[in-house]
PDB file of all heavy atoms in Angstrom:
ATOM      1  N   SER A   1       6.350   9.630  -2.122  1.00  0.00           N
ATOM      2  CA  SER A   1       5.896   9.751  -3.582  1.00  0.00           C
ATOM      3  C   SER A   1       4.414  10.160  -3.623  1.00  0.00           C
ATOM      4  O   SER A   1       3.978  10.762  -4.680  1.00  0.00           O
ATOM      5  CB  SER A   1       6.072   8.483  -4.287  1.00  0.00           C
ATOM      6  OG  SER A   1       5.306   7.450  -3.726  1.00  0.00           O
ATOM      7  N   ILE A   2       3.604   9.893  -2.599  1.00  0.00           N
ATOM      8  CA  ILE A   2       2.206  10.199  -2.778  1.00  0.00           C
ATOM      9  C   ILE A   2       1.573  11.042  -1.555  1.00  0.00           C
ATOM     10  O   ILE A   2       1.131  12.109  -1.803  1.00  0.00           O
ATOM     11  CB  ILE A   2       1.410   8.830  -2.778  1.00  0.00           C
ATOM     12  CG1 ILE A   2       1.817   8.033  -3.996  1.00  0.00           C
ATOM     13  CG2 ILE A   2      -0.185   9.064  -2.822  1.00  0.00           C
ATOM     14  CD1 ILE A   2       1.298   6.613  -3.971  1.00  0.00           C
ATOM     15  N   LEU A   3       1.751  10.550  -0.353  1.00  0.00           N
ATOM     16  CA  LEU A   3       1.079  11.119   0.755  1.00  0.00           C
ATOM     17  C   LEU A   3       1.588  12.484   1.221  1.00  0.00           C
ATOM     18  O   LEU A   3       0.806  13.240   1.819  1.00  0.00           O
ATOM     19  CB  LEU A   3       1.138  10.184   2.016  1.00  0.00           C
ATOM     20  CG  LEU A   3       0.361   8.883   1.798  1.00  0.00           C
ATOM     21  CD1 LEU A   3       0.401   8.009   3.066  1.00  0.00           C
ATOM     22  CD2 LEU A   3      -1.074   9.062   1.324  1.00  0.00           C
ATOM     23  N   ARG A   4       2.837  12.815   0.893  1.00  0.00           N
ATOM     24  CA  ARG A   4       3.306  14.145   1.285  1.00  0.00           C
ATOM     25  C   ARG A   4       2.652  15.246   0.515  1.00  0.00           C
ATOM     26  O   ARG A   4       2.596  16.358   0.919  1.00  0.00           O
ATOM     27  CB  ARG A   4       4.788  14.197   1.076  1.00  0.00           C
ATOM     28  CG  ARG A   4       5.308  14.215  -0.354  1.00  0.00           C
ATOM     29  CD  ARG A   4       6.820  14.112  -0.430  1.00  0.00           C
ATOM     30  NE  ARG A   4       7.365  14.100  -1.786  1.00  0.00           N
ATOM     31  CZ  ARG A   4       7.656  15.193  -2.475  1.00  0.00           C
ATOM     32  NH1 ARG A   4       7.490  16.377  -1.971  1.00  0.00           N
ATOM     33  NH2 ARG A   4       8.128  15.085  -3.723  1.00  0.00           N
ATOM     34  N   HIS A   5       2.022  14.904  -0.670  1.00  0.00           N
ATOM     35  CA  HIS A   5       1.230  15.859  -1.459  1.00  0.00           C
ATOM     36  C   HIS A   5      -0.174  15.969  -1.043  1.00  0.00           C
ATOM     37  O   HIS A   5      -0.779  17.029  -1.262  1.00  0.00           O
ATOM     38  CB  HIS A   5       1.236  15.461  -2.983  1.00  0.00           C
ATOM     39  CG  HIS A   5       2.657  15.267  -3.578  1.00  0.00           C
ATOM     40  ND1 HIS A   5       3.499  16.369  -3.593  1.00  0.00           N
ATOM     41  CD2 HIS A   5       3.338  14.221  -4.061  1.00  0.00           C
ATOM     42  CE1 HIS A   5       4.667  15.920  -4.181  1.00  0.00           C
ATOM     43  NE2 HIS A   5       4.553  14.670  -4.471  1.00  0.00           N
ATOM     44  N   VAL A   6      -0.685  14.964  -0.353  1.00  0.00           N
ATOM     45  CA  VAL A   6      -2.098  15.015   0.057  1.00  0.00           C
ATOM     46  C   VAL A   6      -2.349  14.894   1.500  1.00  0.00           C
ATOM     47  O   VAL A   6      -3.491  14.865   1.972  1.00  0.00           O
ATOM     48  CB  VAL A   6      -2.893  13.813  -0.629  1.00  0.00           C
ATOM     49  CG1 VAL A   6      -2.805  13.921  -2.089  1.00  0.00           C
ATOM     50  CG2 VAL A   6      -2.417  12.511  -0.105  1.00  0.00           C
ATOM     51  N   SER A   7      -1.247  14.988   2.276  1.00  0.00           N
ATOM     52  CA  SER A   7      -1.414  14.855   3.787  1.00  0.00           C
ATOM     53  C   SER A   7      -2.146  16.089   4.323  1.00  0.00           C
ATOM     54  O   SER A   7      -2.895  16.044   5.300  1.00  0.00           O
ATOM     55  CB  SER A   7      -0.071  14.701   4.384  1.00  0.00           C
ATOM     56  OG  SER A   7       0.853  15.839   4.177  1.00  0.00           O
ATOM     57  N   LYS A   8      -1.850  17.290   3.719  1.00  0.00           N
ATOM     58  CA  LYS A   8      -2.526  18.466   4.230  1.00  0.00           C
ATOM     59  C   LYS A   8      -2.621  19.480   3.078  1.00  0.00           C
ATOM     60  O   LYS A   8      -2.104  20.583   3.112  1.00  0.00           O
ATOM     61  CB  LYS A   8      -1.813  19.138   5.389  1.00  0.00           C
ATOM     62  CG  LYS A   8      -2.659  20.147   6.146  1.00  0.00           C
ATOM     63  CD  LYS A   8      -1.943  20.640   7.377  1.00  0.00           C
ATOM     64  CE  LYS A   8      -2.764  21.676   8.106  1.00  0.00           C
ATOM     65  NZ  LYS A   8      -2.100  22.227   9.322  1.00  0.00           N
ATOM     66  N   PRO A   9      -3.280  19.098   1.957  1.00  0.00           N
ATOM     67  CA  PRO A   9      -3.444  20.123   0.923  1.00  0.00           C
ATOM     68  C   PRO A   9      -4.589  21.101   1.191  1.00  0.00           C
ATOM     69  O   PRO A   9      -5.684  20.724   1.456  1.00  0.00           O
ATOM     70  CB  PRO A   9      -3.873  19.200  -0.264  1.00  0.00           C
ATOM     71  CG  PRO A   9      -4.614  18.042   0.353  1.00  0.00           C
ATOM     72  CD  PRO A   9      -3.985  17.859   1.723  1.00  0.00           C
ATOM     73  N   ASN A  10      -4.199  22.406   1.102  1.00  0.00           N
ATOM     74  CA  ASN A  10      -5.192  23.460   1.331  1.00  0.00           C
ATOM     75  C   ASN A  10      -5.923  23.297   2.640  1.00  0.00           C
ATOM     76  O   ASN A  10      -7.181  23.442   2.751  1.00  0.00           O
ATOM     77  CB  ASN A  10      -6.272  23.508   0.193  1.00  0.00           C
ATOM     78  CG  ASN A  10      -5.547  23.759  -1.195  1.00  0.00           C
ATOM     79  OD1 ASN A  10      -4.538  24.464  -1.215  1.00  0.00           O
ATOM     80  ND2 ASN A  10      -6.090  23.210  -2.210  1.00  0.00           N
ATOM     81  N   ASP A  11      -5.165  22.863   3.694  1.00  0.00           N
ATOM     82  CA  ASP A  11      -5.751  22.735   5.039  1.00  0.00           C
ATOM     83  C   ASP A  11      -6.690  21.618   5.093  1.00  0.00           C
ATOM     84  O   ASP A  11      -7.573  21.547   6.087  1.00  0.00           O
ATOM     85  CB  ASP A  11      -6.301  23.978   5.590  1.00  0.00           C
ATOM     86  CG  ASP A  11      -5.267  25.109   5.780  1.00  0.00           C
ATOM     87  OD1 ASP A  11      -4.077  24.748   6.071  1.00  0.00           O
ATOM     88  OD2 ASP A  11      -5.559  26.227   5.560  1.00  0.00           O
ATOM     89  N   GLN A  12      -6.768  20.629   4.170  1.00  0.00           N
ATOM     90  CA  GLN A  12      -7.624  19.474   4.162  1.00  0.00           C
ATOM     91  C   GLN A  12      -6.798  18.329   4.573  1.00  0.00           C
ATOM     92  O   GLN A  12      -5.845  17.980   3.767  1.00  0.00           O
ATOM     93  CB  GLN A  12      -8.305  19.317   2.914  1.00  0.00           C
ATOM     94  CG  GLN A  12      -9.194  20.461   2.444  1.00  0.00           C
ATOM     95  CD  GLN A  12      -9.838  20.165   1.148  1.00  0.00           C
ATOM     96  OE1 GLN A  12     -10.437  19.125   0.927  1.00  0.00           O
ATOM     97  NE2 GLN A  12      -9.750  21.184   0.192  1.00  0.00           N
ATOM     98  N   ILE A  13      -7.083  17.555   5.596  1.00  0.00           N
ATOM     99  CA  ILE A  13      -6.310  16.525   6.075  1.00  0.00           C
ATOM    100  C   ILE A  13      -6.999  15.124   5.626  1.00  0.00           C
ATOM    101  O   ILE A  13      -8.094  14.894   5.949  1.00  0.00           O
ATOM    102  CB  ILE A  13      -6.152  16.520   7.590  1.00  0.00           C
ATOM    103  CG1 ILE A  13      -5.392  17.806   7.959  1.00  0.00           C
ATOM    104  CG2 ILE A  13      -5.270  15.339   8.066  1.00  0.00           C
ATOM    105  CD1 ILE A  13      -5.256  17.948   9.450  1.00  0.00           C
ATOM    106  N   THR A  14      -6.225  14.384   4.898  1.00  0.00           N
ATOM    107  CA  THR A  14      -6.766  13.070   4.542  1.00  0.00           C
ATOM    108  C   THR A  14      -6.373  11.999   5.600  1.00  0.00           C
ATOM    109  O   THR A  14      -5.350  11.403   5.563  1.00  0.00           O
ATOM    110  CB  THR A  14      -6.120  12.603   3.140  1.00  0.00           C
ATOM    111  OG1 THR A  14      -4.780  12.706   3.260  1.00  0.00           O
ATOM    112  CG2 THR A  14      -6.653  13.509   1.995  1.00  0.00           C
ATOM    113  N   THR A  15      -7.218  11.967   6.652  1.00  0.00           N
ATOM    114  CA  THR A  15      -6.911  11.275   7.810  1.00  0.00           C
ATOM    115  C   THR A  15      -6.699   9.774   7.492  1.00  0.00           C
ATOM    116  O   THR A  15      -5.791   9.116   8.018  1.00  0.00           O
ATOM    117  CB  THR A  15      -8.011  11.416   8.810  1.00  0.00           C
ATOM    118  OG1 THR A  15      -8.343  12.754   9.024  1.00  0.00           O
ATOM    119  CG2 THR A  15      -7.661  10.691  10.152  1.00  0.00           C
ATOM    120  N   GLU A  16      -7.522   9.133   6.629  1.00  0.00           N
ATOM    121  CA  GLU A  16      -7.377   7.729   6.456  1.00  0.00           C
ATOM    122  C   GLU A  16      -6.142   7.319   5.747  1.00  0.00           C
ATOM    123  O   GLU A  16      -5.551   6.257   6.189  1.00  0.00           O
ATOM    124  CB  GLU A  16      -8.572   7.207   5.579  1.00  0.00           C
ATOM    125  CG  GLU A  16      -8.619   7.756   4.132  1.00  0.00           C
ATOM    126  CD  GLU A  16      -9.329   9.086   4.039  1.00  0.00           C
ATOM    127  OE1 GLU A  16      -9.561   9.723   5.039  1.00  0.00           O
ATOM    128  OE2 GLU A  16      -9.474   9.582   2.884  1.00  0.00           O
ATOM    129  N   PHE A  17      -5.584   8.177   4.916  1.00  0.00           N
ATOM    130  CA  PHE A  17      -4.325   7.896   4.268  1.00  0.00           C
ATOM    131  C   PHE A  17      -3.116   8.033   5.219  1.00  0.00           C
ATOM    132  O   PHE A  17      -2.257   7.154   5.357  1.00  0.00           O
ATOM    133  CB  PHE A  17      -4.077   8.740   3.008  1.00  0.00           C
ATOM    134  CG  PHE A  17      -5.204   8.571   2.023  1.00  0.00           C
ATOM    135  CD1 PHE A  17      -5.559   9.591   1.204  1.00  0.00           C
ATOM    136  CD2 PHE A  17      -5.714   7.278   1.756  1.00  0.00           C
ATOM    137  CE1 PHE A  17      -6.540   9.428   0.162  1.00  0.00           C
ATOM    138  CE2 PHE A  17      -6.717   7.122   0.762  1.00  0.00           C
ATOM    139  CZ  PHE A  17      -7.045   8.155   0.032  1.00  0.00           C
ATOM    140  N   THR A  18      -3.099   9.186   5.879  1.00  0.00           N
ATOM    141  CA  THR A  18      -1.975   9.418   6.759  1.00  0.00           C
ATOM    142  C   THR A  18      -1.904   8.469   7.968  1.00  0.00           C
ATOM    143  O   THR A  18      -0.877   7.987   8.295  1.00  0.00           O
ATOM    144  CB  THR A  18      -2.120  10.936   7.309  1.00  0.00           C
ATOM    145  OG1 THR A  18      -2.208  11.809   6.138  1.00  0.00           O
ATOM    146  CG2 THR A  18      -0.899  11.277   8.156  1.00  0.00           C
ATOM    147  N   ALA A  19      -3.043   8.242   8.577  1.00  0.00           N
ATOM    148  CA  ALA A  19      -3.086   7.359   9.740  1.00  0.00           C
ATOM    149  C   ALA A  19      -2.597   5.958   9.349  1.00  0.00           C
ATOM    150  O   ALA A  19      -1.806   5.318  10.060  1.00  0.00           O
ATOM    151  CB  ALA A  19      -4.489   7.307  10.360  1.00  0.00           C
ATOM    152  N   ALA A  20      -3.141   5.450   8.215  1.00  0.00           N
ATOM    153  CA  ALA A  20      -2.754   4.073   7.794  1.00  0.00           C
ATOM    154  C   ALA A  20      -1.306   4.003   7.529  1.00  0.00           C
ATOM    155  O   ALA A  20      -0.650   2.991   7.811  1.00  0.00           O
ATOM    156  CB  ALA A  20      -3.527   3.705   6.538  1.00  0.00           C
ATOM    157  N   ASN A  21      -0.767   5.084   6.930  1.00  0.00           N
ATOM    158  CA  ASN A  21       0.694   4.970   6.593  1.00  0.00           C
ATOM    159  C   ASN A  21       1.532   5.095   7.841  1.00  0.00           C
ATOM    160  O   ASN A  21       2.566   4.457   7.979  1.00  0.00           O
ATOM    161  CB  ASN A  21       1.053   6.222   5.611  1.00  0.00           C
ATOM    162  CG  ASN A  21       2.407   6.027   4.984  1.00  0.00           C
ATOM    163  OD1 ASN A  21       2.653   5.068   4.318  1.00  0.00           O
ATOM    164  ND2 ASN A  21       3.302   6.919   5.331  1.00  0.00           N
ATOM    165  N   ILE A  22       1.215   5.898   8.774  1.00  0.00           N
ATOM    166  CA  ILE A  22       1.940   6.079  10.055  1.00  0.00           C
ATOM    167  C   ILE A  22       1.919   4.731  10.834  1.00  0.00           C
ATOM    168  O   ILE A  22       2.932   4.316  11.348  1.00  0.00           O
ATOM    169  CB  ILE A  22       1.371   7.179  10.937  1.00  0.00           C
ATOM    170  CG1 ILE A  22       1.601   8.566  10.234  1.00  0.00           C
ATOM    171  CG2 ILE A  22       1.961   7.119  12.337  1.00  0.00           C
ATOM    172  CD1 ILE A  22       0.929   9.691  11.066  1.00  0.00           C
ATOM    173  N   ILE A  23       0.772   4.069  10.876  1.00  0.00           N
ATOM    174  CA  ILE A  23       0.587   2.748  11.540  1.00  0.00           C
ATOM    175  C   ILE A  23       1.515   1.750  10.841  1.00  0.00           C
ATOM    176  O   ILE A  23       2.145   0.891  11.496  1.00  0.00           O
ATOM    177  CB  ILE A  23      -0.768   2.325  11.627  1.00  0.00           C
ATOM    178  CG1 ILE A  23      -1.650   3.284  12.490  1.00  0.00           C
ATOM    179  CG2 ILE A  23      -0.902   0.900  12.132  1.00  0.00           C
ATOM    180  CD1 ILE A  23      -3.155   2.954  12.478  1.00  0.00           C
ATOM    181  N   SER A  24       1.505   1.829   9.472  1.00  0.00           N
ATOM    182  CA  SER A  24       2.308   0.885   8.715  1.00  0.00           C
ATOM    183  C   SER A  24       3.783   0.983   9.029  1.00  0.00           C
ATOM    184  O   SER A  24       4.478  -0.021   9.217  1.00  0.00           O
ATOM    185  CB  SER A  24       2.014   1.027   7.239  1.00  0.00           C
ATOM    186  OG  SER A  24       2.832   0.200   6.450  1.00  0.00           O
ATOM    187  N   VAL A  25       4.317   2.211   9.022  1.00  0.00           N
ATOM    188  CA  VAL A  25       5.702   2.469   9.276  1.00  0.00           C
ATOM    189  C   VAL A  25       6.078   2.037  10.700  1.00  0.00           C
ATOM    190  O   VAL A  25       7.061   1.376  10.950  1.00  0.00           O
ATOM    191  CB  VAL A  25       6.030   3.956   9.047  1.00  0.00           C
ATOM    192  CG1 VAL A  25       7.483   4.226   9.586  1.00  0.00           C
ATOM    193  CG2 VAL A  25       5.913   4.293   7.599  1.00  0.00           C
ATOM    194  N   THR A  26       5.128   2.348  11.667  1.00  0.00           N
ATOM    195  CA  THR A  26       5.406   2.030  13.066  1.00  0.00           C
ATOM    196  C   THR A  26       5.397   0.529  13.225  1.00  0.00           C
ATOM    197  O   THR A  26       6.229  -0.075  13.974  1.00  0.00           O
ATOM    198  CB  THR A  26       4.354   2.660  14.022  1.00  0.00           C
ATOM    199  OG1 THR A  26       4.307   4.112  13.784  1.00  0.00           O
ATOM    200  CG2 THR A  26       4.703   2.421  15.474  1.00  0.00           C
ATOM    201  N   SER A  27       4.484  -0.128  12.577  1.00  0.00           N
ATOM    202  CA  SER A  27       4.440  -1.585  12.613  1.00  0.00           C
ATOM    203  C   SER A  27       5.699  -2.269  12.070  1.00  0.00           C
ATOM    204  O   SER A  27       6.189  -3.250  12.650  1.00  0.00           O
ATOM    205  CB  SER A  27       3.214  -2.090  11.836  1.00  0.00           C
ATOM    206  OG  SER A  27       3.210  -3.554  11.763  1.00  0.00           O
ATOM    207  N   GLY A  28       6.236  -1.651  11.019  1.00  0.00           N
ATOM    208  CA  GLY A  28       7.523  -2.207  10.515  1.00  0.00           C
ATOM    209  C   GLY A  28       8.631  -2.051  11.591  1.00  0.00           C
ATOM    210  O   GLY A  28       9.394  -2.974  11.761  1.00  0.00           O
ATOM    211  N   LEU A  29       8.679  -0.963  12.223  1.00  0.00           N
ATOM    212  CA  LEU A  29       9.820  -0.726  13.275  1.00  0.00           C
ATOM    213  C   LEU A  29       9.566  -1.667  14.437  1.00  0.00           C
ATOM    214  O   LEU A  29      10.601  -2.236  14.920  1.00  0.00           O
ATOM    215  CB  LEU A  29       9.740   0.688  13.753  1.00  0.00           C
ATOM    216  CG  LEU A  29      10.185   1.803  12.697  1.00  0.00           C
ATOM    217  CD1 LEU A  29       9.921   3.181  13.334  1.00  0.00           C
ATOM    218  CD2 LEU A  29      11.655   1.601  12.320  1.00  0.00           C
ATOM    219  N   LEU A  30       8.378  -1.810  14.857  1.00  0.00           N
ATOM    220  CA  LEU A  30       8.076  -2.766  15.969  1.00  0.00           C
ATOM    221  C   LEU A  30       8.335  -4.181  15.593  1.00  0.00           C
ATOM    222  O   LEU A  30       8.763  -4.972  16.396  1.00  0.00           O
ATOM    223  CB  LEU A  30       6.654  -2.638  16.547  1.00  0.00           C
ATOM    224  CG  LEU A  30       6.302  -3.410  17.781  1.00  0.00           C
ATOM    225  CD1 LEU A  30       7.238  -3.014  18.890  1.00  0.00           C
ATOM    226  CD2 LEU A  30       4.842  -3.100  18.158  1.00  0.00           C
ATOM    227  N   SER A  31       8.086  -4.540  14.342  1.00  0.00           N
ATOM    228  CA  SER A  31       8.397  -5.900  13.858  1.00  0.00           C
ATOM    229  C   SER A  31       9.878  -6.207  13.905  1.00  0.00           C
ATOM    230  O   SER A  31      10.277  -7.264  14.214  1.00  0.00           O
ATOM    231  CB  SER A  31       7.912  -6.110  12.499  1.00  0.00           C
ATOM    232  OG  SER A  31       6.445  -6.100  12.409  1.00  0.00           O
ATOM    233  N   ILE A  32      10.698  -5.249  13.543  1.00  0.00           N
ATOM    234  CA  ILE A  32      12.141  -5.302  13.574  1.00  0.00           C
ATOM    235  C   ILE A  32      12.586  -5.545  15.038  1.00  0.00           C
ATOM    236  O   ILE A  32      13.378  -6.403  15.303  1.00  0.00           O
ATOM    237  CB  ILE A  32      12.846  -4.086  12.997  1.00  0.00           C
ATOM    238  CG1 ILE A  32      12.479  -4.008  11.521  1.00  0.00           C
ATOM    239  CG2 ILE A  32      14.314  -4.132  13.254  1.00  0.00           C
ATOM    240  CD1 ILE A  32      12.949  -2.651  10.888  1.00  0.00           C
ATOM    241  N   ALA A  33      11.992  -4.814  16.004  1.00  0.00           N
ATOM    242  CA  ALA A  33      12.372  -4.908  17.396  1.00  0.00           C
ATOM    243  C   ALA A  33      11.928  -6.316  17.875  1.00  0.00           C
ATOM    244  O   ALA A  33      12.704  -6.913  18.653  1.00  0.00           O
ATOM    245  CB  ALA A  33      11.712  -3.839  18.192  1.00  0.00           C
ATOM    246  N   THR A  34      10.744  -6.708  17.528  1.00  0.00           N
ATOM    247  CA  THR A  34      10.261  -8.070  18.028  1.00  0.00           C
ATOM    248  C   THR A  34      11.114  -9.170  17.393  1.00  0.00           C
ATOM    249  O   THR A  34      11.482 -10.166  18.165  1.00  0.00           O
ATOM    250  CB  THR A  34       8.811  -8.305  17.537  1.00  0.00           C
ATOM    251  OG1 THR A  34       7.948  -7.244  18.007  1.00  0.00           O
ATOM    252  CG2 THR A  34       8.272  -9.631  18.088  1.00  0.00           C
ATOM    253  N   GLY A  35      11.569  -9.002  16.178  1.00  0.00           N
ATOM    254  CA  GLY A  35      12.500 -10.009  15.610  1.00  0.00           C
ATOM    255  C   GLY A  35      13.799 -10.117  16.278  1.00  0.00           C
ATOM    256  O   GLY A  35      14.409 -11.164  16.500  1.00  0.00           O
ATOM    257  N   ILE A  36      14.301  -8.926  16.687  1.00  0.00           N
ATOM    258  CA  ILE A  36      15.648  -8.910  17.429  1.00  0.00           C
ATOM    259  C   ILE A  36      15.516  -9.628  18.740  1.00  0.00           C
ATOM    260  O   ILE A  36      16.371 -10.428  19.192  1.00  0.00           O
ATOM    261  CB  ILE A  36      16.141  -7.483  17.541  1.00  0.00           C
ATOM    262  CG1 ILE A  36      16.530  -6.906  16.243  1.00  0.00           C
ATOM    263  CG2 ILE A  36      17.311  -7.452  18.523  1.00  0.00           C
ATOM    264  CD1 ILE A  36      16.828  -5.391  16.191  1.00  0.00           C
ATOM    265  N   ILE A  37      14.418  -9.327  19.499  1.00  0.00           N
ATOM    266  CA  ILE A  37      14.139  -9.954  20.754  1.00  0.00           C
ATOM    267  C   ILE A  37      14.009 -11.460  20.675  1.00  0.00           C
ATOM    268  O   ILE A  37      14.465 -12.276  21.462  1.00  0.00           O
ATOM    269  CB  ILE A  37      12.912  -9.356  21.494  1.00  0.00           C
ATOM    270  CG1 ILE A  37      13.194  -7.839  21.755  1.00  0.00           C
ATOM    271  CG2 ILE A  37      12.558 -10.102  22.712  1.00  0.00           C
ATOM    272  CD1 ILE A  37      11.981  -7.106  22.349  1.00  0.00           C
ATOM    273  N   ALA A  38      13.299 -11.909  19.549  1.00  0.00           N
ATOM    274  CA  ALA A  38      13.092 -13.330  19.267  1.00  0.00           C
ATOM    275  C   ALA A  38      14.435 -14.051  19.101  1.00  0.00           C
ATOM    276  O   ALA A  38      14.683 -15.106  19.538  1.00  0.00           O
ATOM    277  CB  ALA A  38      12.226 -13.535  18.111  1.00  0.00           C
ATOM    278  N   ILE A  39      15.338 -13.377  18.357  1.00  0.00           N
ATOM    279  CA  ILE A  39      16.673 -13.960  18.147  1.00  0.00           C
ATOM    280  C   ILE A  39      17.398 -14.079  19.476  1.00  0.00           C
ATOM    281  O   ILE A  39      18.066 -15.111  19.752  1.00  0.00           O
ATOM    282  CB  ILE A  39      17.508 -13.128  17.118  1.00  0.00           C
ATOM    283  CG1 ILE A  39      16.809 -13.227  15.786  1.00  0.00           C
ATOM    284  CG2 ILE A  39      18.887 -13.577  17.000  1.00  0.00           C
ATOM    285  CD1 ILE A  39      17.417 -12.313  14.683  1.00  0.00           C
ATOM    286  N   LEU A  40      17.329 -12.977  20.257  1.00  0.00           N
ATOM    287  CA  LEU A  40      18.044 -12.986  21.544  1.00  0.00           C
ATOM    288  C   LEU A  40      17.449 -14.127  22.540  1.00  0.00           C
ATOM    289  O   LEU A  40      18.200 -14.795  23.215  1.00  0.00           O
ATOM    290  CB  LEU A  40      17.874 -11.677  22.299  1.00  0.00           C
ATOM    291  CG  LEU A  40      18.632 -10.480  21.593  1.00  0.00           C
ATOM    292  CD1 LEU A  40      18.247  -9.181  22.383  1.00  0.00           C
ATOM    293  CD2 LEU A  40      20.128 -10.710  21.656  1.00  0.00           C
ATOM    294  N   VAL A  41      16.146 -14.312  22.437  1.00  0.00           N
ATOM    295  CA  VAL A  41      15.534 -15.354  23.271  1.00  0.00           C
ATOM    296  C   VAL A  41      15.936 -16.785  22.809  1.00  0.00           C
ATOM    297  O   VAL A  41      16.244 -17.647  23.636  1.00  0.00           O
ATOM    298  CB  VAL A  41      13.979 -15.234  23.167  1.00  0.00           C
ATOM    299  CG1 VAL A  41      13.340 -16.508  23.847  1.00  0.00           C
ATOM    300  CG2 VAL A  41      13.567 -14.015  23.917  1.00  0.00           C
ATOM    301  N   SER A  42      16.113 -16.929  21.479  1.00  0.00           N
ATOM    302  CA  SER A  42      16.582 -18.277  20.954  1.00  0.00           C
ATOM    303  C   SER A  42      17.883 -18.649  21.405  1.00  0.00           C
ATOM    304  O   SER A  42      18.281 -19.772  21.464  1.00  0.00           O
ATOM    305  CB  SER A  42      16.425 -18.199  19.418  1.00  0.00           C
ATOM    306  OG  SER A  42      17.414 -17.331  18.836  1.00  0.00           O
ATOM    307  N   ARG A  43      18.739 -17.602  21.662  1.00  0.00           N
ATOM    308  CA  ARG A  43      20.075 -17.878  22.152  1.00  0.00           C
ATOM    309  C   ARG A  43      20.270 -17.823  23.621  1.00  0.00           C
ATOM    310  O   ARG A  43      21.326 -18.258  24.194  1.00  0.00           O
ATOM    311  CB  ARG A  43      21.050 -16.856  21.589  1.00  0.00           C
ATOM    312  CG  ARG A  43      21.027 -16.720  20.045  1.00  0.00           C
ATOM    313  CD  ARG A  43      21.513 -17.882  19.428  1.00  0.00           C
ATOM    314  NE  ARG A  43      22.937 -18.183  19.664  1.00  0.00           N
ATOM    315  CZ  ARG A  43      23.646 -19.136  19.293  1.00  0.00           C
ATOM    316  NH1 ARG A  43      23.014 -20.171  18.570  1.00  0.00           N
ATOM    317  NH2 ARG A  43      24.931 -19.307  19.575  1.00  0.00           N
ATOM    318  N   ASN A  44      19.221 -17.428  24.380  1.00  0.00           N
ATOM    319  CA  ASN A  44      19.205 -17.302  25.788  1.00  0.00           C
ATOM    320  C   ASN A  44      17.850 -17.764  26.375  1.00  0.00           C
ATOM    321  O   ASN A  44      17.138 -16.931  26.933  1.00  0.00           O
ATOM    322  CB  ASN A  44      19.539 -15.881  26.251  1.00  0.00           C
ATOM    323  CG  ASN A  44      20.887 -15.441  25.717  1.00  0.00           C
ATOM    324  OD1 ASN A  44      21.914 -15.690  26.202  1.00  0.00           O
ATOM    325  ND2 ASN A  44      20.775 -14.720  24.553  1.00  0.00           N
ATOM    326  N   LEU A  45      17.546 -19.063  26.222  1.00  0.00           N
ATOM    327  CA  LEU A  45      16.190 -19.478  26.648  1.00  0.00           C
ATOM    328  C   LEU A  45      15.988 -19.392  28.185  1.00  0.00           C
ATOM    329  O   LEU A  45      14.891 -19.419  28.615  1.00  0.00           O
ATOM    330  CB  LEU A  45      16.065 -21.030  26.239  1.00  0.00           C
ATOM    331  CG  LEU A  45      15.925 -21.243  24.754  1.00  0.00           C
ATOM    332  CD1 LEU A  45      15.735 -22.762  24.482  1.00  0.00           C
ATOM    333  CD2 LEU A  45      14.657 -20.506  24.214  1.00  0.00           C
ATOM    334  N   SER A  46      17.001 -19.331  28.926  1.00  0.00           N
ATOM    335  CA  SER A  46      16.813 -19.357  30.442  1.00  0.00           C
ATOM    336  C   SER A  46      16.679 -17.940  31.051  1.00  0.00           C
ATOM    337  O   SER A  46      16.467 -17.863  32.274  1.00  0.00           O
ATOM    338  CB  SER A  46      17.988 -20.033  31.070  1.00  0.00           C
ATOM    339  OG  SER A  46      19.239 -19.389  30.773  1.00  0.00           O
TER     340      SER A  46
END
């Protein structure tokens, strides 16, 4: 809704917006993976 319009307007890159959003999305994916591993560990402590 927002960053696709300002990620590279007229060859100007808004680094702070794009980088923060990429890190946010990646953090969400890694949190999902960590949660899955935590569930597996809870069922297989040994």
